[in-house]
N, C-alpha and C. Protein backbone atom coordinates (compact mmCIF):
# COMPACT_ATOMS: atom_id res chain seq x y z
N MET A 1 172.64 51.69 181.25
CA MET A 1 172.55 51.74 182.71
C MET A 1 172.25 53.17 183.16
N LEU A 2 171.26 53.30 183.98
CA LEU A 2 170.93 54.62 184.51
C LEU A 2 171.96 55.03 185.56
N ARG A 3 172.01 56.31 185.78
CA ARG A 3 172.88 56.84 186.83
C ARG A 3 172.15 57.96 187.53
N ARG A 4 172.64 58.33 188.66
CA ARG A 4 172.04 59.41 189.43
C ARG A 4 172.25 60.75 188.73
N PRO A 5 171.37 61.71 188.94
CA PRO A 5 171.58 63.04 188.36
C PRO A 5 172.82 63.71 188.94
N GLU A 6 173.51 64.41 188.09
CA GLU A 6 174.67 65.19 188.52
C GLU A 6 174.22 66.61 188.85
N PRO A 7 175.04 67.38 189.56
CA PRO A 7 174.62 68.72 190.01
C PRO A 7 174.14 69.67 188.92
N ASN A 8 174.57 69.47 187.69
CA ASN A 8 174.14 70.37 186.61
C ASN A 8 172.83 69.93 185.93
N GLU A 9 172.17 68.90 186.47
CA GLU A 9 170.96 68.38 185.85
C GLU A 9 169.67 68.94 186.45
N ALA A 10 169.79 69.72 187.50
CA ALA A 10 168.64 70.40 188.13
C ALA A 10 169.19 71.49 189.02
N ALA A 11 168.36 72.44 189.35
CA ALA A 11 168.77 73.50 190.28
C ALA A 11 169.07 72.88 191.65
N PRO A 12 170.00 73.47 192.39
CA PRO A 12 170.38 72.91 193.70
C PRO A 12 169.19 72.62 194.62
N TYR A 13 168.17 73.45 194.57
CA TYR A 13 166.98 73.27 195.40
C TYR A 13 166.39 71.87 195.26
N TYR A 14 166.36 71.33 194.06
CA TYR A 14 165.72 70.05 193.80
C TYR A 14 166.50 68.86 194.34
N PHE A 15 167.74 69.06 194.68
CA PHE A 15 168.52 67.95 195.21
C PHE A 15 168.10 67.58 196.63
N GLY A 16 167.31 68.44 197.27
CA GLY A 16 166.72 68.07 198.55
C GLY A 16 165.82 66.85 198.43
N VAL A 17 165.10 66.74 197.32
CA VAL A 17 164.27 65.55 197.10
C VAL A 17 165.00 64.49 196.28
N ILE A 18 165.81 64.90 195.32
CA ILE A 18 166.58 63.92 194.53
C ILE A 18 167.42 63.05 195.45
N ASN A 19 168.04 63.66 196.45
CA ASN A 19 168.93 62.91 197.34
C ASN A 19 168.19 61.98 198.30
N GLN A 20 166.88 62.02 198.32
CA GLN A 20 166.11 61.09 199.13
C GLN A 20 165.88 59.75 198.41
N VAL A 21 166.30 59.68 197.17
CA VAL A 21 166.12 58.46 196.37
C VAL A 21 167.41 57.65 196.43
N PRO A 22 167.33 56.41 196.91
CA PRO A 22 168.53 55.58 196.99
C PRO A 22 168.90 54.97 195.64
N GLY A 23 170.19 54.78 195.43
CA GLY A 23 170.67 54.02 194.29
C GLY A 23 170.52 54.67 192.94
N ASP A 24 170.73 53.83 191.92
CA ASP A 24 170.71 54.28 190.52
C ASP A 24 169.49 53.81 189.73
N ASP A 25 168.65 52.97 190.34
CA ASP A 25 167.51 52.41 189.62
C ASP A 25 166.23 53.15 189.99
N VAL A 26 166.06 54.34 189.43
CA VAL A 26 164.90 55.16 189.79
C VAL A 26 163.59 54.51 189.36
N VAL A 27 163.58 53.78 188.27
CA VAL A 27 162.35 53.11 187.85
C VAL A 27 161.97 52.03 188.86
N GLY A 28 162.95 51.29 189.34
CA GLY A 28 162.69 50.30 190.39
C GLY A 28 162.16 50.94 191.66
N VAL A 29 162.71 52.09 192.01
CA VAL A 29 162.23 52.82 193.19
C VAL A 29 160.78 53.25 192.98
N LEU A 30 160.47 53.78 191.81
CA LEU A 30 159.09 54.20 191.52
C LEU A 30 158.12 53.03 191.63
N GLU A 31 158.53 51.86 191.15
CA GLU A 31 157.67 50.67 191.23
C GLU A 31 157.48 50.22 192.68
N THR A 32 158.56 50.12 193.41
CA THR A 32 158.49 49.71 194.82
C THR A 32 157.69 50.71 195.63
N GLN A 33 157.94 51.97 195.37
CA GLN A 33 157.25 53.04 196.08
C GLN A 33 155.74 52.97 195.84
N LEU A 34 155.33 52.57 194.67
CA LEU A 34 153.90 52.44 194.38
C LEU A 34 153.25 51.48 195.38
N ASP A 35 153.78 50.29 195.49
CA ASP A 35 153.20 49.29 196.39
C ASP A 35 153.27 49.73 197.85
N GLU A 36 154.42 50.24 198.25
CA GLU A 36 154.59 50.65 199.66
C GLU A 36 153.68 51.83 200.01
N THR A 37 153.59 52.79 199.11
CA THR A 37 152.78 53.98 199.38
C THR A 37 151.30 53.63 199.39
N LEU A 38 150.87 52.80 198.46
CA LEU A 38 149.47 52.37 198.45
C LEU A 38 149.12 51.63 199.74
N ALA A 39 150.00 50.77 200.20
CA ALA A 39 149.75 50.03 201.45
C ALA A 39 149.61 51.00 202.62
N PHE A 40 150.50 51.98 202.69
CA PHE A 40 150.43 52.96 203.77
C PHE A 40 149.15 53.79 203.68
N LEU A 41 148.87 54.35 202.51
CA LEU A 41 147.71 55.22 202.35
C LEU A 41 146.41 54.48 202.62
N SER A 42 146.36 53.22 202.24
CA SER A 42 145.14 52.43 202.45
C SER A 42 144.86 52.18 203.92
N GLY A 43 145.86 52.34 204.76
CA GLY A 43 145.67 52.18 206.20
C GLY A 43 145.16 53.44 206.88
N VAL A 44 144.99 54.51 206.15
CA VAL A 44 144.50 55.78 206.70
C VAL A 44 142.99 55.84 206.48
N SER A 45 142.25 56.14 207.53
CA SER A 45 140.79 56.22 207.42
C SER A 45 140.36 57.50 206.71
N GLU A 46 139.12 57.48 206.23
CA GLU A 46 138.54 58.67 205.61
C GLU A 46 138.57 59.84 206.60
N ASP A 47 138.21 59.57 207.85
CA ASP A 47 138.21 60.65 208.86
C ASP A 47 139.61 61.20 209.11
N LYS A 48 140.58 60.29 209.28
CA LYS A 48 141.95 60.75 209.56
C LYS A 48 142.52 61.53 208.37
N SER A 49 142.07 61.21 207.17
CA SER A 49 142.59 61.90 205.99
C SER A 49 142.25 63.38 205.96
N LEU A 50 141.32 63.79 206.79
CA LEU A 50 140.95 65.21 206.88
C LEU A 50 141.77 65.95 207.95
N HIS A 51 142.60 65.20 208.68
CA HIS A 51 143.39 65.78 209.77
C HIS A 51 144.45 66.75 209.24
N ARG A 52 144.66 67.82 210.00
CA ARG A 52 145.74 68.78 209.75
C ARG A 52 146.60 68.77 211.01
N TYR A 53 147.89 68.64 210.86
CA TYR A 53 148.75 68.54 212.05
C TYR A 53 148.97 69.88 212.73
N ALA A 54 148.60 70.97 212.07
CA ALA A 54 148.70 72.30 212.67
C ALA A 54 147.77 73.23 211.89
N PRO A 55 147.33 74.31 212.52
CA PRO A 55 146.50 75.28 211.79
C PRO A 55 147.22 75.81 210.55
N GLY A 56 146.48 75.90 209.46
CA GLY A 56 147.05 76.42 208.22
C GLY A 56 147.80 75.39 207.39
N LYS A 57 147.98 74.19 207.92
CA LYS A 57 148.66 73.13 207.16
C LYS A 57 147.63 72.34 206.36
N TRP A 58 148.10 71.68 205.31
CA TRP A 58 147.22 70.89 204.48
C TRP A 58 146.70 69.67 205.24
N SER A 59 145.48 69.27 204.91
CA SER A 59 144.99 67.97 205.37
C SER A 59 145.74 66.90 204.59
N MET A 60 145.60 65.66 205.03
CA MET A 60 146.23 64.57 204.28
C MET A 60 145.67 64.50 202.85
N ARG A 61 144.39 64.80 202.70
CA ARG A 61 143.80 64.78 201.35
C ARG A 61 144.45 65.85 200.48
N GLU A 62 144.63 67.04 201.04
CA GLU A 62 145.25 68.11 200.28
C GLU A 62 146.71 67.78 199.94
N ALA A 63 147.41 67.18 200.90
CA ALA A 63 148.81 66.82 200.66
C ALA A 63 148.93 65.72 199.60
N LEU A 64 148.03 64.72 199.64
CA LEU A 64 148.08 63.68 198.61
C LEU A 64 147.68 64.25 197.25
N ASN A 65 146.73 65.14 197.24
CA ASN A 65 146.38 65.82 195.99
C ASN A 65 147.60 66.56 195.43
N HIS A 66 148.35 67.21 196.32
CA HIS A 66 149.58 67.91 195.92
C HIS A 66 150.61 66.92 195.34
N ILE A 67 150.80 65.80 196.01
CA ILE A 67 151.72 64.77 195.49
C ILE A 67 151.29 64.37 194.08
N ASN A 68 150.00 64.13 193.90
CA ASN A 68 149.48 63.73 192.59
C ASN A 68 149.70 64.81 191.53
N ASP A 69 149.40 66.06 191.90
CA ASP A 69 149.58 67.15 190.93
C ASP A 69 151.04 67.34 190.55
N VAL A 70 151.92 67.29 191.54
CA VAL A 70 153.36 67.45 191.25
C VAL A 70 153.86 66.32 190.36
N GLU A 71 153.42 65.10 190.64
CA GLU A 71 153.86 63.98 189.80
C GLU A 71 153.36 64.16 188.37
N ARG A 72 152.12 64.57 188.23
CA ARG A 72 151.54 64.78 186.90
C ARG A 72 152.30 65.87 186.14
N VAL A 73 152.59 66.98 186.79
CA VAL A 73 153.31 68.08 186.15
C VAL A 73 154.75 67.66 185.82
N THR A 74 155.40 66.99 186.74
CA THR A 74 156.78 66.57 186.54
C THR A 74 156.87 65.54 185.41
N LEU A 75 155.91 64.64 185.35
CA LEU A 75 155.89 63.67 184.26
C LEU A 75 155.68 64.37 182.92
N PHE A 76 154.81 65.38 182.88
CA PHE A 76 154.62 66.12 181.63
C PHE A 76 155.93 66.80 181.21
N ARG A 77 156.63 67.39 182.17
CA ARG A 77 157.91 68.02 181.85
C ARG A 77 158.87 66.98 181.27
N ALA A 78 158.92 65.80 181.89
CA ALA A 78 159.80 64.74 181.39
C ALA A 78 159.42 64.34 179.97
N LEU A 79 158.15 64.20 179.70
CA LEU A 79 157.68 63.88 178.35
C LEU A 79 158.11 64.97 177.37
N TRP A 80 157.88 66.21 177.72
CA TRP A 80 158.19 67.35 176.86
C TRP A 80 159.67 67.35 176.48
N PHE A 81 160.51 67.20 177.48
CA PHE A 81 161.95 67.25 177.23
C PHE A 81 162.44 65.98 176.54
N ALA A 82 161.92 64.82 176.93
CA ALA A 82 162.35 63.55 176.33
C ALA A 82 162.03 63.50 174.84
N ARG A 83 160.95 64.14 174.46
CA ARG A 83 160.55 64.13 173.05
C ARG A 83 161.21 65.25 172.24
N GLY A 84 162.05 66.02 172.90
CA GLY A 84 162.86 66.99 172.19
C GLY A 84 162.27 68.36 171.99
N PHE A 85 161.18 68.68 172.65
CA PHE A 85 160.63 70.02 172.53
C PHE A 85 161.57 71.02 173.19
N ALA A 86 161.80 72.13 172.53
CA ALA A 86 162.79 73.10 173.00
C ALA A 86 162.20 74.23 173.82
N SER A 87 160.92 74.48 173.71
CA SER A 87 160.35 75.64 174.42
C SER A 87 160.30 75.38 175.93
N ALA A 88 160.59 76.43 176.66
CA ALA A 88 160.57 76.36 178.12
C ALA A 88 159.14 76.21 178.62
N LEU A 89 159.00 75.58 179.76
CA LEU A 89 157.69 75.37 180.37
C LEU A 89 157.52 76.32 181.56
N PRO A 90 156.27 76.70 181.84
CA PRO A 90 156.03 77.64 182.94
C PRO A 90 156.22 76.99 184.31
N SER A 91 156.15 77.82 185.31
CA SER A 91 156.27 77.32 186.68
C SER A 91 154.96 76.68 187.11
N PHE A 92 155.05 75.94 188.18
CA PHE A 92 153.90 75.29 188.78
C PHE A 92 153.73 75.91 190.16
N GLU A 93 152.64 76.59 190.34
CA GLU A 93 152.38 77.29 191.61
C GLU A 93 151.51 76.42 192.49
N GLN A 94 152.11 75.84 193.52
CA GLN A 94 151.41 74.84 194.31
C GLN A 94 150.29 75.39 195.19
N ILE A 95 150.39 76.59 195.68
CA ILE A 95 149.37 77.11 196.59
C ILE A 95 148.04 77.36 195.86
N PRO A 96 148.03 78.13 194.75
CA PRO A 96 146.74 78.28 194.05
C PRO A 96 146.22 76.97 193.47
N CYS A 97 147.13 76.10 193.08
CA CYS A 97 146.72 74.80 192.55
C CYS A 97 146.00 74.00 193.63
N ALA A 98 146.56 73.96 194.82
CA ALA A 98 145.94 73.23 195.93
C ALA A 98 144.59 73.81 196.29
N ALA A 99 144.49 75.13 196.32
CA ALA A 99 143.22 75.76 196.66
C ALA A 99 142.14 75.44 195.62
N ALA A 100 142.50 75.47 194.36
CA ALA A 100 141.54 75.21 193.28
C ALA A 100 141.08 73.75 193.26
N ALA A 101 141.89 72.86 193.77
CA ALA A 101 141.56 71.43 193.72
C ALA A 101 140.42 71.04 194.66
N GLU A 102 140.24 71.80 195.73
CA GLU A 102 139.20 71.48 196.72
C GLU A 102 139.27 70.01 197.13
N ALA A 103 140.45 69.58 197.51
CA ALA A 103 140.73 68.16 197.78
C ALA A 103 139.91 67.58 198.92
N ASP A 104 139.55 68.37 199.90
CA ASP A 104 138.79 67.84 201.03
C ASP A 104 137.35 67.48 200.66
N ARG A 105 136.90 67.90 199.50
CA ARG A 105 135.54 67.58 199.06
C ARG A 105 135.46 66.19 198.41
N ARG A 106 136.59 65.61 198.11
CA ARG A 106 136.65 64.28 197.49
C ARG A 106 137.01 63.24 198.54
N SER A 107 136.63 62.02 198.28
CA SER A 107 136.95 60.95 199.22
C SER A 107 138.45 60.65 199.22
N TRP A 108 138.92 60.17 200.35
CA TRP A 108 140.31 59.72 200.48
C TRP A 108 140.57 58.60 199.47
N ALA A 109 139.62 57.69 199.35
CA ALA A 109 139.78 56.57 198.42
C ALA A 109 139.99 57.07 196.99
N SER A 110 139.34 58.15 196.60
CA SER A 110 139.52 58.67 195.23
C SER A 110 140.92 59.24 195.03
N HIS A 111 141.47 59.84 196.07
CA HIS A 111 142.84 60.36 195.99
C HIS A 111 143.85 59.22 195.88
N ILE A 112 143.61 58.15 196.64
CA ILE A 112 144.50 56.98 196.57
C ILE A 112 144.45 56.36 195.18
N GLU A 113 143.27 56.21 194.63
CA GLU A 113 143.13 55.64 193.29
C GLU A 113 143.82 56.53 192.25
N GLU A 114 143.71 57.84 192.42
CA GLU A 114 144.37 58.75 191.50
C GLU A 114 145.89 58.61 191.60
N PHE A 115 146.42 58.48 192.82
CA PHE A 115 147.86 58.25 192.99
C PHE A 115 148.28 56.99 192.23
N ARG A 116 147.52 55.91 192.40
CA ARG A 116 147.86 54.65 191.74
C ARG A 116 147.89 54.83 190.22
N ALA A 117 146.88 55.47 189.67
CA ALA A 117 146.80 55.65 188.21
C ALA A 117 147.94 56.51 187.68
N ILE A 118 148.22 57.60 188.37
CA ILE A 118 149.30 58.49 187.93
C ILE A 118 150.64 57.78 188.02
N ARG A 119 150.87 57.06 189.12
CA ARG A 119 152.16 56.38 189.27
C ARG A 119 152.33 55.28 188.23
N LEU A 120 151.27 54.56 187.92
CA LEU A 120 151.38 53.55 186.87
C LEU A 120 151.77 54.19 185.54
N ALA A 121 151.21 55.35 185.26
CA ALA A 121 151.57 56.07 184.03
C ALA A 121 153.03 56.51 184.07
N SER A 122 153.48 56.98 185.22
CA SER A 122 154.87 57.42 185.36
C SER A 122 155.83 56.25 185.16
N VAL A 123 155.53 55.13 185.79
CA VAL A 123 156.39 53.94 185.66
C VAL A 123 156.44 53.50 184.20
N ALA A 124 155.30 53.43 183.55
CA ALA A 124 155.28 53.00 182.14
C ALA A 124 156.11 53.94 181.27
N PHE A 125 155.97 55.24 181.50
CA PHE A 125 156.73 56.21 180.70
C PHE A 125 158.23 56.02 180.91
N PHE A 126 158.67 56.06 182.17
CA PHE A 126 160.10 56.00 182.43
C PHE A 126 160.69 54.64 182.08
N LYS A 127 159.93 53.58 182.26
CA LYS A 127 160.42 52.23 181.94
C LYS A 127 160.71 52.09 180.45
N ASN A 128 159.98 52.80 179.63
CA ASN A 128 160.10 52.66 178.18
C ASN A 128 160.94 53.74 177.50
N LEU A 129 161.60 54.57 178.29
CA LEU A 129 162.46 55.61 177.69
C LEU A 129 163.71 54.99 177.10
N GLY A 130 164.11 55.50 175.96
CA GLY A 130 165.37 55.10 175.36
C GLY A 130 166.54 55.74 176.09
N GLY A 131 167.73 55.21 175.89
CA GLY A 131 168.92 55.67 176.59
C GLY A 131 169.21 57.15 176.46
N GLU A 132 169.11 57.69 175.25
CA GLU A 132 169.43 59.10 175.02
C GLU A 132 168.40 60.04 175.65
N ALA A 133 167.17 59.59 175.76
CA ALA A 133 166.11 60.44 176.29
C ALA A 133 166.38 60.86 177.73
N TRP A 134 167.04 60.01 178.50
CA TRP A 134 167.32 60.32 179.91
C TRP A 134 168.21 61.55 180.04
N ASP A 135 169.04 61.80 179.05
CA ASP A 135 169.98 62.92 179.10
C ASP A 135 169.44 64.21 178.49
N ARG A 136 168.29 64.13 177.86
CA ARG A 136 167.75 65.33 177.23
C ARG A 136 167.40 66.36 178.29
N ARG A 137 167.51 67.63 177.87
CA ARG A 137 167.36 68.74 178.80
C ARG A 137 166.28 69.70 178.36
N GLY A 138 165.79 70.43 179.34
CA GLY A 138 164.84 71.49 179.07
C GLY A 138 164.80 72.44 180.25
N VAL A 139 163.98 73.46 180.10
CA VAL A 139 163.83 74.47 181.16
C VAL A 139 162.37 74.53 181.57
N ALA A 140 162.16 74.51 182.86
CA ALA A 140 160.82 74.69 183.43
C ALA A 140 160.98 75.53 184.69
N SER A 141 160.06 76.42 184.93
CA SER A 141 160.14 77.31 186.10
C SER A 141 161.47 78.05 186.13
N ASP A 142 161.99 78.38 184.94
CA ASP A 142 163.27 79.08 184.81
C ASP A 142 164.46 78.27 185.34
N ASN A 143 164.30 76.95 185.43
CA ASN A 143 165.38 76.07 185.90
C ASN A 143 165.66 74.99 184.88
N PRO A 144 166.93 74.64 184.70
CA PRO A 144 167.27 73.55 183.79
C PRO A 144 167.03 72.20 184.45
N PHE A 145 166.62 71.23 183.64
CA PHE A 145 166.40 69.86 184.12
C PHE A 145 166.83 68.88 183.04
N THR A 146 167.27 67.70 183.46
CA THR A 146 167.32 66.56 182.55
C THR A 146 166.10 65.70 182.85
N VAL A 147 165.77 64.84 181.92
CA VAL A 147 164.68 63.90 182.14
C VAL A 147 165.02 63.01 183.33
N ARG A 148 166.26 62.61 183.45
CA ARG A 148 166.71 61.77 184.57
C ARG A 148 166.41 62.45 185.91
N ALA A 149 166.77 63.74 186.01
CA ALA A 149 166.53 64.47 187.26
C ALA A 149 165.04 64.52 187.57
N LEU A 150 164.21 64.68 186.56
CA LEU A 150 162.77 64.74 186.78
C LEU A 150 162.24 63.41 187.33
N ALA A 151 162.76 62.30 186.84
CA ALA A 151 162.34 60.99 187.38
C ALA A 151 162.70 60.90 188.87
N TYR A 152 163.88 61.33 189.21
CA TYR A 152 164.29 61.32 190.62
C TYR A 152 163.45 62.28 191.46
N ILE A 153 163.06 63.40 190.89
CA ILE A 153 162.20 64.35 191.61
C ILE A 153 160.85 63.71 191.91
N VAL A 154 160.28 62.99 190.97
CA VAL A 154 159.01 62.30 191.22
C VAL A 154 159.14 61.38 192.43
N ALA A 155 160.16 60.54 192.42
CA ALA A 155 160.33 59.57 193.51
C ALA A 155 160.65 60.28 194.83
N GLY A 156 161.56 61.23 194.79
CA GLY A 156 161.97 61.92 196.01
C GLY A 156 160.88 62.76 196.63
N HIS A 157 160.07 63.38 195.80
CA HIS A 157 158.96 64.19 196.30
C HIS A 157 157.97 63.32 197.07
N THR A 158 157.68 62.15 196.54
CA THR A 158 156.77 61.23 197.24
C THR A 158 157.39 60.77 198.54
N THR A 159 158.66 60.41 198.53
CA THR A 159 159.35 60.00 199.75
C THR A 159 159.26 61.09 200.80
N HIS A 160 159.50 62.31 200.39
CA HIS A 160 159.45 63.47 201.30
C HIS A 160 158.09 63.59 201.97
N HIS A 161 157.03 63.54 201.18
CA HIS A 161 155.69 63.74 201.75
C HIS A 161 155.19 62.54 202.55
N VAL A 162 155.53 61.35 202.15
CA VAL A 162 155.13 60.18 202.93
C VAL A 162 155.81 60.22 204.30
N ALA A 163 157.05 60.67 204.34
CA ALA A 163 157.74 60.81 205.63
C ALA A 163 157.01 61.84 206.52
N ILE A 164 156.54 62.91 205.93
CA ILE A 164 155.77 63.91 206.70
C ILE A 164 154.47 63.29 207.20
N PHE A 165 153.79 62.52 206.36
CA PHE A 165 152.58 61.83 206.80
C PHE A 165 152.88 60.99 208.04
N LYS A 166 153.94 60.21 207.97
CA LYS A 166 154.27 59.29 209.08
C LYS A 166 154.71 60.02 210.34
N GLU A 167 155.39 61.15 210.18
CA GLU A 167 155.90 61.88 211.34
C GLU A 167 154.86 62.80 211.98
N ARG A 168 154.00 63.42 211.18
CA ARG A 168 153.16 64.49 211.71
C ARG A 168 151.67 64.22 211.72
N TYR A 169 151.22 63.26 210.97
CA TYR A 169 149.79 63.00 210.92
C TYR A 169 149.46 61.79 211.77
């Protein structure tokens, strides 16, 4: 049976998104979130996806690209730690990453499809983890994590950004 991450499973900063995930079934949340998020994103037009709610803020395309990149990086961290690799992983710098992605040059539909593909990979990975793998630990960005905390970060990060989409875009 899975359980929620405890305070020593990630740096305090990450509990801002971890705590946005309800319950103990993070894999179930990831699956449900896939359908709900795809339905929401599919209702956004190509034109609206270029909207920025304020000067200097990301467009919806840039923000969804960020969600995709963070999920991809977080899933890699989970794989690395779950498989027992001991070496620490580097930080993920979101600002240069977002700039290099040139997300506004791609269609909104391509970003949505990428979200679907990445999330399906995340669900498959976490669904098939053995019991001990959830407790394995590692360091990334100079912070300790368990694989369990990383799964919650994936779900919570998406919840956080979808709420911003609904409130500000």
